[in-house]
Amino acid sequence: MTAVLILVVGIVLLGLGYIFYGSWLAKKWGVNPDRPTPAHTKYDNKDFVPTNPAVLMGHHFSSIAGAGPINGPIQAAVFGWLPVFLWVVIGGIFFGAMHDFGSLFASIRHGGRSIGEVIKDNIGPKAYKLFVIFALLVLILVIASFTSVVASTFQSTVDANGNPYDFITVGMDNASGNASTATTSLLFIVIAIIFGYFVYRRGAKVGPATVIGVIGIIIITFIGLNVGINLPRTPWIIFIAVYITLASLLPVWILLQPRDYLSSFLLYGMMILALVGVLGGSWNSNFELEAFTGWQSSSGYLFPTLFITVACGAISGFHSLVGSGTTAKQLNNERDARPIAYGGMLIESALAIISLCAVAYIWKDYADGTTVVPTAVFAGGLSSMLGTLFGAGAQSVTYSLLILAVSAFCLTSLDTATRLARYMFQEFWMKPGESIKDMTGARKVLTNPYVSTAITVVLGVALGMTGYAKIWALFGAANQLLAALGLLAVAAWLGKIGRNNKMFYFPMIFMILVTLTSLVFTIKSQITAIIAGGTGLAWCYIRAILAILLVILAIDLVIEGSKALAAQAKAKKAA
């Protein structure tokens, strides 16, 4: 019964936040439906393309979701369900959704340029350079991690008896889960290209095309469950590298946008299954997860660990790069910004609450180490709920479908991150007012789309094949620091144009304190490990150095931003 109450109360609160707080923000910031967006004023049929809001919502939501709103709440559940629930709801409404909405809106009003360009115009060129370097490091780490994760969900070399699979295996009993996921994902790419061609080149209506696309998803899912493509890890990494390169370079309407849009229906379907499971299958279950387990757990202290671990379900800096990197270039009308950015974040918060319900349902298995991988916990918990309603057969099938949906979203976040890294790398070499056409000499080479994509893909994939896991612990703090800087950028811009920006102050300061505290703990732990000696000292030094650099970067950017905000306040007072 507790799971049902948690889910219902959470969805109601998130809905009220969208209706009241989201509308208030749009009014205070001056959202204007009559003002042309960059998708129209800079239309190039490649990056700047006016897009149906439903299609763009699918792209945006698929890009920001990934596995974040699933992994974070499950890992943070060691503190109890109440802290996670409160952070997801309060953070989602007043931190994350405002951050995403503000980042997208600021980018629109800056010609569809990135949040880094917003910083350049409203804080200064020094802050901009520091931010871009920082954002690129985060994106390369995202590419590295998601390349590794997706390759792991695709690879399949031996069966349960240790015998090698054939390249193609047919039959649900013969095809492994990973091989089936790989097959479905490949077919998904084909469907996306066909969808994009007929909608954008043959004039097909989005509604009928979507219905046909969803039917296609059902068909390829059935095929994937029965036909497996078996390859070891390295060939899949090479394939992923080629795919994300193409996704970064091709016009958005060919691959990136339609694939993300159609992928969103997998997530919507996954969330419907989850809702049915929680609402129908957990009424008579024992909710074994306590409301609060204490201020400290095996993961660390509640502050800052909770606010670092639960990122995508509450607030995530990666979202500001998505909103200002791809979504802003495709927004058809400013009125669409609130449902896509603010609403998209709240849907993600709802998914985080569902993930919390899933881990609570099988808490014994999670606590004793029987099932610990977040994706397996999520699929296992929800499929168990559905199994109580529809039987063991439904539990097995829905488990596979849930794993497939999560894997699909890792790939959509990966291709978007690659395109964003290409944008950021190109922007780094350009001066204010310049475009790629204005480049000469070395800058012309470095800003070339093919060169910039190749550099980011090679760096990301190489790190994914080697040592990204060694520094992954820093990603949470880096991502939340990026969120704080996104809030700072939008606050500085709104203050500069005379709009109300006071709502950004507390979330911004809170996230800065969270990330700095986390980084200080990391530095302390690495220094302790170095003093103790032993193996792996090189990585201890690397992590300590990176954490120190992030602290210095954060303090420097905060000082620059504070100067800008103070100057605005002084000018306003003088006026």
Protein backbone atom coordinates (compact mmCIF):
# COMPACT_ATOMS: atom_id res chain seq x y z
CA MET A 1 0.00 0.00 0.00
CA THR A 2 2.89 2.37 0.77
CA ALA A 3 4.25 2.11 -2.78
CA VAL A 4 0.88 3.12 -4.21
CA LEU A 5 0.63 6.12 -1.89
CA ILE A 6 4.19 7.21 -2.65
CA LEU A 7 3.57 7.05 -6.39
CA VAL A 8 0.16 8.75 -6.35
CA VAL A 9 1.22 11.54 -3.98
CA GLY A 10 4.42 12.07 -5.97
CA ILE A 11 2.64 12.37 -9.33
CA VAL A 12 0.02 14.74 -7.87
CA LEU A 13 2.70 17.02 -6.40
CA LEU A 14 4.71 17.02 -9.62
CA GLY A 15 1.56 17.84 -11.59
CA LEU A 16 0.74 20.74 -9.30
CA GLY A 17 4.30 21.99 -9.66
CA TYR A 18 3.99 22.01 -13.45
CA ILE A 19 0.63 23.80 -13.42
CA PHE A 20 1.42 26.50 -10.88
CA TYR A 21 5.18 26.99 -10.52
CA GLY A 22 5.97 26.27 -14.16
CA SER A 23 3.32 28.77 -15.32
CA TRP A 24 4.61 31.37 -12.86
CA LEU A 25 8.17 31.00 -14.16
CA ALA A 26 7.03 31.39 -17.78
CA LYS A 27 5.20 34.59 -16.86
CA LYS A 28 8.10 36.04 -14.86
CA TRP A 29 10.65 35.30 -17.59
CA GLY A 30 8.53 36.67 -20.42
CA VAL A 31 7.92 33.64 -22.62
CA ASN A 32 6.50 35.04 -25.88
CA PRO A 33 4.69 32.70 -28.34
CA ASP A 34 4.81 35.41 -31.03
CA ARG A 35 8.60 35.69 -31.04
CA PRO A 36 10.37 33.63 -33.77
CA THR A 37 12.67 30.92 -32.44
CA PRO A 38 16.20 30.15 -33.75
CA ALA A 39 14.78 27.09 -35.55
CA HIS A 40 13.09 29.58 -37.89
CA THR A 41 15.53 32.51 -37.91
CA LYS A 42 18.58 30.24 -38.41
CA TYR A 43 16.99 27.41 -40.33
CA ASP A 44 19.64 25.29 -42.10
CA ASN A 45 17.86 21.90 -42.45
CA LYS A 46 20.67 20.26 -40.48
CA ASP A 47 20.90 21.51 -36.90
CA PHE A 48 18.27 24.28 -36.92
CA VAL A 49 14.99 22.62 -37.89
CA PRO A 50 11.48 23.61 -36.64
CA THR A 51 10.04 20.47 -35.11
CA ASN A 52 6.64 19.18 -34.10
CA PRO A 53 6.48 19.60 -30.29
CA ALA A 54 5.56 15.94 -29.75
CA VAL A 55 8.56 14.80 -31.79
CA LEU A 56 10.86 17.25 -30.03
CA MET A 57 9.53 16.14 -26.65
CA GLY A 58 10.47 12.58 -27.57
CA HIS A 59 13.98 13.64 -28.59
CA HIS A 60 14.53 15.80 -25.51
CA PHE A 61 13.12 13.32 -23.01
CA SER A 62 15.01 10.38 -24.53
CA SER A 63 18.24 12.37 -24.43
CA ILE A 64 18.02 13.52 -20.82
CA ALA A 65 16.60 10.31 -19.34
CA GLY A 66 19.13 7.55 -20.00
CA ALA A 67 19.58 5.31 -16.98
CA GLY A 68 20.06 8.20 -14.54
CA PRO A 69 16.55 8.37 -13.00
CA ILE A 70 16.75 4.61 -12.49
CA ASN A 71 20.25 4.20 -11.07
CA GLY A 72 20.27 7.19 -8.72
CA PRO A 73 17.14 6.53 -6.61
CA ILE A 74 17.96 2.82 -6.34
CA GLN A 75 21.49 3.49 -5.09
CA ALA A 76 20.32 6.24 -2.72
CA ALA A 77 17.59 4.06 -1.22
CA VAL A 78 20.10 2.98 1.45
CA PHE A 79 19.09 6.20 3.25
CA GLY A 80 15.42 5.17 3.23
CA TRP A 81 12.56 6.00 0.89
CA LEU A 82 11.60 9.34 2.51
CA PRO A 83 14.82 11.33 1.80
CA VAL A 84 14.85 10.09 -1.80
CA PHE A 85 11.16 10.89 -2.29
CA LEU A 86 11.48 14.40 -0.84
CA TRP A 87 14.58 15.23 -2.88
CA VAL A 88 13.03 13.94 -6.11
CA VAL A 89 9.79 15.92 -5.64
CA ILE A 90 11.25 19.14 -4.21
CA GLY A 91 14.35 18.98 -6.36
CA GLY A 92 12.36 18.14 -9.47
CA ILE A 93 9.93 21.05 -9.12
CA PHE A 94 12.14 23.80 -7.72
CA PHE A 95 15.62 22.78 -8.89
CA GLY A 96 15.75 20.48 -11.91
CA ALA A 97 12.68 21.54 -13.89
CA MET A 98 13.49 25.22 -13.40
CA HIS A 99 17.11 24.55 -14.39
CA ASP A 100 16.06 22.75 -17.59
CA PHE A 101 13.39 25.29 -18.51
CA GLY A 102 15.73 28.22 -17.82
CA SER A 103 18.61 26.70 -19.79
CA LEU A 104 16.42 26.05 -22.82
CA PHE A 105 14.80 29.49 -22.67
CA ALA A 106 18.13 31.30 -22.25
CA SER A 107 19.53 29.41 -25.23
CA ILE A 108 16.53 30.33 -27.38
CA ARG A 109 17.02 34.00 -26.56
CA HIS A 110 20.72 33.65 -27.45
CA GLY A 111 20.10 32.33 -30.96
CA GLY A 112 20.12 28.65 -30.06
CA ARG A 113 23.66 28.82 -28.71
CA SER A 114 24.90 26.67 -25.84
CA ILE A 115 24.71 27.50 -22.16
CA GLY A 116 28.43 28.24 -22.41
CA GLU A 117 27.67 31.07 -24.83
CA VAL A 118 25.10 32.39 -22.35
CA ILE A 119 27.88 32.51 -19.78
CA LYS A 120 30.15 34.33 -22.23
CA ASP A 121 27.58 37.04 -22.93
CA ASN A 122 26.44 37.56 -19.34
CA ILE A 123 29.42 36.71 -17.12
CA GLY A 124 32.51 37.02 -19.31
CA PRO A 125 34.90 35.28 -21.73
CA LYS A 126 37.10 33.85 -18.97
CA ALA A 127 34.16 32.10 -17.32
CA TYR A 128 33.07 30.87 -20.73
CA LYS A 129 36.41 29.24 -21.54
CA LEU A 130 36.53 27.54 -18.16
CA PHE A 131 32.95 26.32 -18.52
CA VAL A 132 33.48 24.87 -22.00
CA ILE A 133 36.59 22.97 -20.91
CA PHE A 134 34.67 21.62 -17.95
CA ALA A 135 31.59 20.71 -20.02
CA LEU A 136 33.74 18.93 -22.62
CA LEU A 137 35.36 16.82 -19.92
CA VAL A 138 31.91 15.86 -18.61
CA LEU A 139 30.63 15.00 -22.10
CA ILE A 140 33.69 12.91 -22.95
CA LEU A 141 33.20 11.02 -19.69
CA VAL A 142 29.54 10.48 -20.62
CA ILE A 143 30.58 9.15 -24.04
CA ALA A 144 33.14 6.87 -22.39
CA SER A 145 30.76 5.45 -19.79
CA PHE A 146 27.75 5.00 -22.05
CA THR A 147 29.88 3.41 -24.78
CA SER A 148 31.07 0.88 -22.23
CA VAL A 149 27.57 0.32 -20.81
CA VAL A 150 25.89 -0.11 -24.20
CA ALA A 151 28.63 -2.44 -25.44
CA SER A 152 28.16 -4.51 -22.27
CA THR A 153 24.40 -4.79 -22.89
CA PHE A 154 25.07 -5.90 -26.51
CA GLN A 155 27.96 -8.35 -26.12
CA SER A 156 27.17 -12.05 -26.04
CA THR A 157 29.86 -14.63 -26.64
CA VAL A 158 28.94 -17.79 -24.71
CA ASP A 159 25.69 -19.43 -23.63
CA ALA A 160 24.72 -20.69 -20.18
CA ASN A 161 26.84 -23.82 -20.71
CA GLY A 162 29.94 -21.87 -21.71
CA ASN A 163 29.67 -22.74 -25.39
CA PRO A 164 30.14 -20.02 -28.05
CA TYR A 165 26.99 -18.78 -29.73
CA ASP A 166 26.56 -18.80 -33.47
CA PHE A 167 26.67 -15.32 -35.03
CA ILE A 168 22.86 -15.48 -35.38
CA THR A 169 20.68 -17.39 -32.94
CA VAL A 170 16.97 -17.92 -33.51
CA GLY A 171 14.31 -18.73 -30.94
CA MET A 172 13.54 -17.13 -27.57
CA ASP A 173 15.19 -20.03 -25.75
CA ASN A 174 18.37 -19.72 -27.82
CA ALA A 175 18.92 -15.98 -28.21
CA SER A 176 20.58 -14.40 -25.19
CA GLY A 177 19.14 -11.25 -23.63
CA ASN A 178 22.12 -9.16 -24.75
CA ALA A 179 21.98 -10.46 -28.31
CA SER A 180 18.24 -9.76 -28.47
CA THR A 181 18.79 -6.22 -27.20
CA ALA A 182 21.45 -5.69 -29.87
CA THR A 183 19.13 -6.92 -32.63
CA THR A 184 16.27 -4.69 -31.55
CA SER A 185 18.55 -1.66 -31.25
CA LEU A 186 19.92 -2.12 -34.76
CA LEU A 187 16.42 -2.48 -36.21
CA PHE A 188 15.42 0.62 -34.26
CA ILE A 189 17.98 2.65 -36.20
CA VAL A 190 16.53 1.42 -39.49
CA ILE A 191 12.97 2.32 -38.46
CA ALA A 192 14.12 5.77 -37.32
CA ILE A 193 15.71 6.55 -40.70
CA ILE A 194 12.55 5.41 -42.53
CA PHE A 195 10.37 7.52 -40.19
CA GLY A 196 12.53 10.62 -40.71
CA TYR A 197 12.53 10.20 -44.48
CA PHE A 198 8.76 9.88 -44.84
CA VAL A 199 7.91 12.66 -42.35
CA TYR A 200 10.49 15.23 -43.48
CA ARG A 201 10.97 14.35 -47.13
CA ARG A 202 7.70 12.80 -48.25
CA GLY A 203 5.38 15.01 -46.18
CA ALA A 204 3.82 12.22 -44.12
CA LYS A 205 1.69 13.38 -41.19
CA VAL A 206 3.32 12.85 -37.80
CA GLY A 207 0.22 11.18 -36.28
CA PRO A 208 -0.22 8.33 -38.81
CA ALA A 209 3.57 7.95 -39.13
CA THR A 210 3.80 7.58 -35.35
CA VAL A 211 1.13 4.88 -35.29
CA ILE A 212 3.01 2.96 -37.99
CA GLY A 213 6.28 3.57 -36.14
CA VAL A 214 4.89 2.19 -32.87
CA ILE A 215 3.61 -0.89 -34.72
CA GLY A 216 7.10 -1.21 -36.16
CA ILE A 217 8.56 -1.04 -32.64
CA ILE A 218 6.30 -3.89 -31.54
CA ILE A 219 7.38 -5.96 -34.56
CA ILE A 220 11.11 -5.39 -34.11
CA THR A 221 10.79 -6.07 -30.37
CA PHE A 222 9.22 -9.43 -31.18
CA ILE A 223 11.99 -10.11 -33.70
CA GLY A 224 14.61 -9.10 -31.15
CA LEU A 225 13.22 -11.45 -28.54
CA ASN A 226 13.59 -14.32 -31.00
CA VAL A 227 16.65 -13.43 -33.10
CA GLY A 228 19.99 -12.59 -31.52
CA ILE A 229 23.14 -11.07 -33.04
CA ASN A 230 26.14 -12.42 -31.14
CA LEU A 231 29.38 -10.47 -31.14
CA PRO A 232 32.07 -9.89 -28.52
CA ARG A 233 32.61 -6.52 -26.88
CA THR A 234 35.22 -4.94 -29.20
CA PRO A 235 33.19 -5.16 -32.46
CA TRP A 236 30.23 -3.58 -30.66
CA ILE A 237 32.42 -0.72 -29.42
CA ILE A 238 33.57 -0.11 -33.00
CA PHE A 239 29.98 -0.18 -34.20
CA ILE A 240 28.91 2.27 -31.49
CA ALA A 241 31.78 4.60 -32.42
CA VAL A 242 30.66 4.61 -36.07
CA TYR A 243 27.01 5.10 -35.09
CA ILE A 244 27.61 8.08 -32.79
CA THR A 245 29.87 9.66 -35.40
CA LEU A 246 27.07 9.51 -37.96
CA ALA A 247 24.51 10.69 -35.38
CA SER A 248 26.70 13.71 -34.68
CA LEU A 249 27.18 14.66 -38.34
CA LEU A 250 23.94 13.80 -40.11
CA PRO A 251 21.06 16.30 -40.17
CA VAL A 252 18.95 15.83 -37.04
CA TRP A 253 15.86 14.83 -39.02
CA ILE A 254 17.56 11.78 -40.57
CA LEU A 255 18.60 9.86 -37.47
CA LEU A 256 18.95 11.63 -34.13
CA GLN A 257 15.53 13.22 -33.88
CA PRO A 258 13.35 10.35 -35.22
CA ARG A 259 15.28 7.71 -33.29
CA ASP A 260 14.92 9.59 -30.02
CA TYR A 261 11.25 10.28 -30.74
CA LEU A 262 10.43 6.64 -31.43
CA SER A 263 12.58 5.54 -28.48
CA SER A 264 10.45 7.70 -26.23
CA PHE A 265 7.51 5.39 -26.87
CA LEU A 266 9.56 2.56 -25.38
CA LEU A 267 9.97 4.66 -22.27
CA TYR A 268 6.31 5.67 -22.22
CA GLY A 269 5.41 2.01 -22.56
CA MET A 270 7.88 1.14 -19.82
CA MET A 271 6.32 3.75 -17.53
CA ILE A 272 2.81 2.47 -18.27
CA LEU A 273 3.92 -1.06 -17.38
CA ALA A 274 5.52 0.33 -14.24
CA LEU A 275 2.36 2.21 -13.24
CA VAL A 276 0.25 -0.89 -13.76
CA GLY A 277 2.73 -2.91 -11.73
CA VAL A 278 2.93 -0.49 -8.81
CA LEU A 279 -0.77 0.37 -8.69
CA GLY A 280 -2.02 -3.16 -9.27
CA GLY A 281 0.71 -5.45 -8.01
CA SER A 282 1.91 -3.87 -4.78
CA TRP A 283 -1.32 -3.42 -2.81
CA ASN A 284 -0.80 -6.53 -0.70
CA SER A 285 3.00 -6.52 -0.65
CA ASN A 286 5.22 -5.84 2.33
CA PHE A 287 7.00 -2.51 1.86
CA GLU A 288 10.26 -3.51 3.52
CA LEU A 289 12.28 -0.37 2.87
CA GLU A 290 12.28 1.89 5.92
CA ALA A 291 11.33 5.56 5.64
CA PHE A 292 14.68 6.67 7.08
CA THR A 293 17.70 4.53 7.90
CA GLY A 294 20.04 7.18 9.29
CA TRP A 295 22.30 10.08 8.37
CA GLN A 296 25.10 7.79 7.28
CA SER A 297 25.22 4.64 5.18
CA SER A 298 27.76 2.54 3.32
CA SER A 299 27.65 5.20 0.58
CA GLY A 300 28.62 8.04 2.91
CA TYR A 301 26.82 10.85 4.72
CA LEU A 302 23.33 11.82 3.57
CA PHE A 303 24.71 15.27 2.78
CA PRO A 304 26.12 15.45 0.16
CA THR A 305 25.78 11.83 -1.02
CA LEU A 306 22.00 11.85 -1.58
CA PHE A 307 22.11 15.01 -3.71
CA ILE A 308 25.00 13.72 -5.80
CA THR A 309 23.62 10.21 -6.27
CA VAL A 310 20.07 11.24 -7.24
CA ALA A 311 20.84 13.58 -10.14
CA CYS A 312 18.67 12.99 -13.21
CA GLY A 313 15.55 12.44 -11.09
CA ALA A 314 15.98 15.80 -9.33
CA ILE A 315 18.54 18.01 -11.13
CA SER A 316 21.31 17.23 -13.61
CA GLY A 317 23.78 19.54 -15.32
CA PHE A 318 23.81 17.33 -18.41
CA HIS A 319 20.25 18.52 -19.10
CA SER A 320 21.41 22.11 -19.62
CA LEU A 321 23.75 20.90 -22.36
CA VAL A 322 20.92 18.97 -24.05
CA GLY A 323 18.40 21.81 -23.79
CA SER A 324 20.79 24.45 -25.07
CA GLY A 325 22.62 22.14 -27.45
CA THR A 326 20.02 20.36 -29.56
CA THR A 327 16.51 21.12 -28.26
CA ALA A 328 16.85 24.92 -28.55
CA LYS A 329 17.78 24.58 -32.21
CA GLN A 330 14.59 22.66 -32.98
CA LEU A 331 11.97 24.43 -30.86
CA ASN A 332 9.13 25.60 -33.11
CA ASN A 333 7.52 28.04 -30.65
CA GLU A 334 8.48 29.50 -27.27
CA ARG A 335 5.22 28.19 -25.79
CA ASP A 336 6.61 24.68 -26.28
CA ALA A 337 9.54 25.34 -23.94
CA ARG A 338 7.61 24.76 -20.71
CA PRO A 339 6.03 21.38 -21.57
CA ILE A 340 9.22 20.08 -23.18
CA ALA A 341 11.81 21.27 -20.65
CA TYR A 342 9.89 21.78 -17.40
CA GLY A 343 7.42 18.97 -18.11
CA GLY A 344 10.09 16.62 -19.43
CA MET A 345 12.05 16.94 -16.20
CA LEU A 346 8.98 16.23 -14.08
CA ILE A 347 8.24 13.07 -16.08
CA GLU A 348 11.79 12.02 -15.29
CA SER A 349 11.12 12.71 -11.62
CA ALA A 350 8.07 10.44 -11.85
CA LEU A 351 10.31 7.73 -13.31
CA ALA A 352 12.66 8.20 -10.36
CA ILE A 353 9.75 7.62 -7.94
CA ILE A 354 8.82 4.47 -9.86
CA SER A 355 12.44 3.29 -9.51
CA LEU A 356 12.20 3.88 -5.76
CA CYS A 357 9.06 1.74 -5.62
CA ALA A 358 10.83 -0.99 -7.61
CA VAL A 359 13.78 -1.28 -5.23
CA ALA A 360 11.47 -1.14 -2.22
CA TYR A 361 9.48 -4.09 -3.59
CA ILE A 362 12.54 -6.36 -3.70
CA TRP A 363 14.49 -4.65 -0.91
CA LYS A 364 15.59 -7.94 0.70
CA ASP A 365 17.25 -9.09 -2.54
CA TYR A 366 18.95 -5.71 -2.92
CA ALA A 367 20.09 -5.46 0.70
CA ASP A 368 21.58 -8.96 0.83
CA GLY A 369 23.39 -8.54 -2.51
CA THR A 370 21.27 -11.01 -4.50
CA THR A 371 20.23 -8.32 -7.01
CA VAL A 372 22.35 -5.17 -6.97
CA VAL A 373 22.75 -3.90 -10.55
CA PRO A 374 20.26 -0.96 -10.73
CA THR A 375 18.89 -1.94 -14.14
CA ALA A 376 18.23 -5.49 -12.91
CA VAL A 377 16.69 -4.15 -9.68
CA PHE A 378 14.38 -1.88 -11.65
CA ALA A 379 13.30 -4.58 -14.10
CA GLY A 380 13.16 -7.24 -11.40
CA GLY A 381 11.02 -5.21 -9.02
CA LEU A 382 8.51 -4.03 -11.60
CA SER A 383 8.27 -7.36 -13.43
CA SER A 384 7.67 -9.09 -10.07
CA MET A 385 4.76 -6.72 -9.42
CA LEU A 386 3.38 -7.46 -12.88
CA GLY A 387 3.91 -11.17 -12.28
CA THR A 388 1.54 -11.04 -9.29
CA LEU A 389 -1.12 -9.72 -11.66
CA PHE A 390 -0.55 -11.67 -14.88
CA GLY A 391 1.55 -14.71 -13.95
CA ALA A 392 5.14 -15.91 -14.31
CA GLY A 393 5.06 -15.76 -18.12
CA ALA A 394 4.26 -12.05 -18.06
CA GLN A 395 6.99 -11.51 -15.49
CA SER A 396 9.64 -13.03 -17.79
CA VAL A 397 8.57 -11.09 -20.88
CA THR A 398 8.18 -7.76 -19.10
CA TYR A 399 11.60 -8.19 -17.48
CA SER A 400 13.19 -8.46 -20.95
CA LEU A 401 11.16 -5.50 -22.26
CA LEU A 402 12.19 -3.30 -19.33
CA ILE A 403 15.87 -4.15 -19.81
CA LEU A 404 15.52 -3.37 -23.51
CA ALA A 405 13.93 0.01 -22.82
CA VAL A 406 16.70 1.04 -20.43
CA SER A 407 19.38 -0.04 -22.92
CA ALA A 408 17.70 1.93 -25.69
CA PHE A 409 17.81 5.09 -23.60
CA CYS A 410 21.48 4.68 -22.83
CA LEU A 411 22.10 4.73 -26.58
CA THR A 412 19.95 7.83 -27.13
CA SER A 413 21.82 9.72 -24.41
CA LEU A 414 25.07 8.59 -25.99
CA ASP A 415 24.33 9.90 -29.50
CA THR A 416 23.05 13.21 -28.13
CA ALA A 417 26.13 13.60 -25.90
CA THR A 418 28.37 13.12 -28.95
CA ARG A 419 26.60 15.81 -30.93
CA LEU A 420 26.76 18.14 -27.92
CA ALA A 421 30.49 17.51 -27.53
CA ARG A 422 30.96 18.41 -31.19
CA TYR A 423 29.06 21.68 -30.69
CA MET A 424 31.05 22.58 -27.59
CA PHE A 425 34.39 21.75 -29.20
CA GLN A 426 33.57 23.94 -32.21
CA GLU A 427 32.35 26.83 -30.05
CA PHE A 428 35.55 26.78 -28.01
CA TRP A 429 37.61 27.92 -31.02
CA MET A 430 35.21 30.63 -32.19
CA LYS A 431 35.13 34.25 -31.06
CA PRO A 432 31.88 36.16 -30.38
CA GLY A 433 29.88 36.67 -33.57
CA GLU A 434 31.93 34.20 -35.62
CA SER A 435 30.67 31.15 -37.45
CA ILE A 436 32.41 28.14 -38.94
CA LYS A 437 32.50 29.94 -42.30
CA ASP A 438 34.67 32.68 -40.77
CA MET A 439 37.39 30.30 -39.58
CA THR A 440 40.88 30.26 -41.10
CA GLY A 441 44.10 28.32 -40.53
CA ALA A 442 44.22 25.86 -37.65
CA ARG A 443 40.87 27.03 -36.31
CA LYS A 444 39.25 26.13 -39.62
CA VAL A 445 40.54 22.58 -39.23
CA LEU A 446 39.56 22.26 -35.57
CA THR A 447 36.03 23.59 -36.12
CA ASN A 448 35.42 21.34 -39.10
CA PRO A 449 32.46 19.11 -38.12
CA TYR A 450 34.24 15.94 -39.19
CA VAL A 451 37.43 16.78 -37.31
CA SER A 452 35.68 17.95 -34.13
CA THR A 453 33.47 14.85 -34.12
CA ALA A 454 36.43 12.53 -34.72
CA ILE A 455 38.39 14.06 -31.84
CA THR A 456 35.55 13.76 -29.33
CA VAL A 457 34.59 10.23 -30.43
CA VAL A 458 38.18 8.95 -30.31
CA LEU A 459 38.77 10.46 -26.86
CA GLY A 460 35.47 9.19 -25.46
CA VAL A 461 35.66 5.68 -26.91
CA ALA A 462 39.33 5.27 -25.98
CA LEU A 463 38.55 6.24 -22.39
CA GLY A 464 35.57 3.90 -22.43
CA MET A 465 37.84 0.98 -23.40
CA THR A 466 40.42 1.75 -20.72
CA GLY A 467 39.97 3.57 -17.47
CA TYR A 468 36.76 5.62 -17.27
CA ALA A 469 35.56 3.53 -14.33
CA LYS A 470 38.58 4.71 -12.36
CA ILE A 471 37.36 8.31 -12.42
CA TRP A 472 33.60 7.71 -12.71
CA ALA A 473 33.14 8.51 -9.02
CA LEU A 474 33.93 12.13 -9.88
CA PHE A 475 31.20 12.31 -12.52
CA GLY A 476 28.37 12.77 -10.03
CA ALA A 477 29.99 15.81 -8.44
CA ALA A 478 31.05 17.18 -11.84
CA ASN A 479 27.52 16.77 -13.20
CA GLN A 480 25.93 18.54 -10.24
CA LEU A 481 28.53 21.30 -10.42
CA LEU A 482 27.52 21.72 -14.05
CA ALA A 483 23.91 22.12 -12.86
CA ALA A 484 24.95 24.84 -10.41
CA LEU A 485 26.77 26.67 -13.20
CA GLY A 486 23.72 26.34 -15.46
CA LEU A 487 21.59 27.98 -12.77
CA LEU A 488 24.22 30.69 -12.40
CA ALA A 489 24.26 31.35 -16.16
CA VAL A 490 20.49 31.77 -16.43
CA ALA A 491 20.35 33.90 -13.27
CA ALA A 492 23.04 36.21 -14.68
CA TRP A 493 21.18 36.55 -18.00
CA LEU A 494 17.79 37.25 -16.40
CA GLY A 495 19.37 39.83 -14.12
CA LYS A 496 21.04 41.50 -17.08
CA ILE A 497 17.75 41.92 -18.97
CA GLY A 498 15.91 43.07 -15.85
CA ARG A 499 13.83 39.95 -15.22
CA ASN A 500 13.21 38.28 -11.85
CA ASN A 501 16.06 35.86 -11.10
CA LYS A 502 15.72 35.51 -7.33
CA MET A 503 14.27 32.00 -7.63
CA PHE A 504 17.69 30.78 -8.80
CA TYR A 505 19.71 31.90 -5.79
CA PHE A 506 18.94 29.17 -3.24
CA PRO A 507 19.11 26.20 -5.69
CA MET A 508 22.36 27.59 -7.13
CA ILE A 509 24.05 28.10 -3.75
CA PHE A 510 22.79 24.74 -2.46
CA MET A 511 24.16 22.81 -5.44
CA ILE A 512 27.52 24.58 -5.22
CA LEU A 513 27.79 23.61 -1.54
CA VAL A 514 26.77 20.03 -2.35
CA THR A 515 29.40 19.59 -5.06
CA LEU A 516 32.21 21.34 -3.21
CA THR A 517 31.54 19.23 -0.12
CA SER A 518 31.54 16.05 -2.19
CA LEU A 519 34.80 17.01 -3.91
CA VAL A 520 36.45 17.82 -0.57
CA PHE A 521 35.46 14.36 0.72
CA THR A 522 36.90 12.82 -2.46
CA ILE A 523 40.19 14.70 -2.06
CA LYS A 524 40.41 13.63 1.59
CA SER A 525 39.76 9.96 0.76
CA GLN A 526 42.33 9.93 -2.04
CA ILE A 527 45.00 11.58 0.11
CA THR A 528 44.29 9.00 2.84
CA ALA A 529 44.71 6.20 0.28
CA ILE A 530 47.96 7.70 -1.00
CA ILE A 531 49.37 7.94 2.52
CA ALA A 532 48.35 4.34 3.24
CA GLY A 533 50.15 3.14 0.10
CA GLY A 534 49.40 -0.09 -1.73
CA THR A 535 48.21 -0.76 -5.29
CA GLY A 536 46.42 1.68 -7.58
CA LEU A 537 48.25 4.75 -6.30
CA ALA A 538 48.47 6.26 -9.79
CA TRP A 539 44.68 6.47 -10.05
CA CYS A 540 44.49 7.89 -6.52
CA TYR A 541 46.75 10.72 -7.63
CA ILE A 542 44.72 11.26 -10.81
CA ARG A 543 41.41 11.39 -8.93
CA ALA A 544 42.83 13.72 -6.30
CA ILE A 545 44.27 16.07 -8.94
CA LEU A 546 41.03 16.11 -10.95
CA ALA A 547 38.97 16.79 -7.82
CA ILE A 548 41.28 19.66 -6.82
CA LEU A 549 41.05 21.13 -10.34
CA LEU A 550 37.25 20.91 -10.21
CA VAL A 551 37.20 22.74 -6.87
CA ILE A 552 39.45 25.49 -8.25
CA LEU A 553 37.32 25.74 -11.39
CA ALA A 554 34.11 25.93 -9.38
CA ILE A 555 35.42 28.65 -7.06
CA ASP A 556 36.77 30.66 -9.98
CA LEU A 557 33.48 30.47 -11.87
CA VAL A 558 31.47 31.32 -8.77
CA ILE A 559 33.65 34.40 -8.20
CA GLU A 560 33.16 35.49 -11.82
CA GLY A 561 29.41 34.92 -11.59
CA SER A 562 29.14 36.72 -8.26
CA LYS A 563 30.90 39.74 -9.73
CA ALA A 564 28.41 39.79 -12.62
CA LEU A 565 25.40 39.49 -10.30
CA ALA A 566 26.80 42.14 -7.94
CA ALA A 567 27.38 44.53 -10.86
CA GLN A 568 23.80 44.01 -12.02
CA ALA A 569 22.46 44.70 -8.52
CA LYS A 570 24.57 47.85 -8.26
CA ALA A 571 23.40 49.10 -11.65
CA LYS A 572 19.78 48.38 -10.77
CA LYS A 573 20.11 50.25 -7.48
CA ALA A 574 21.75 53.22 -9.20
CA ALA A 575 18.99 53.32 -11.81
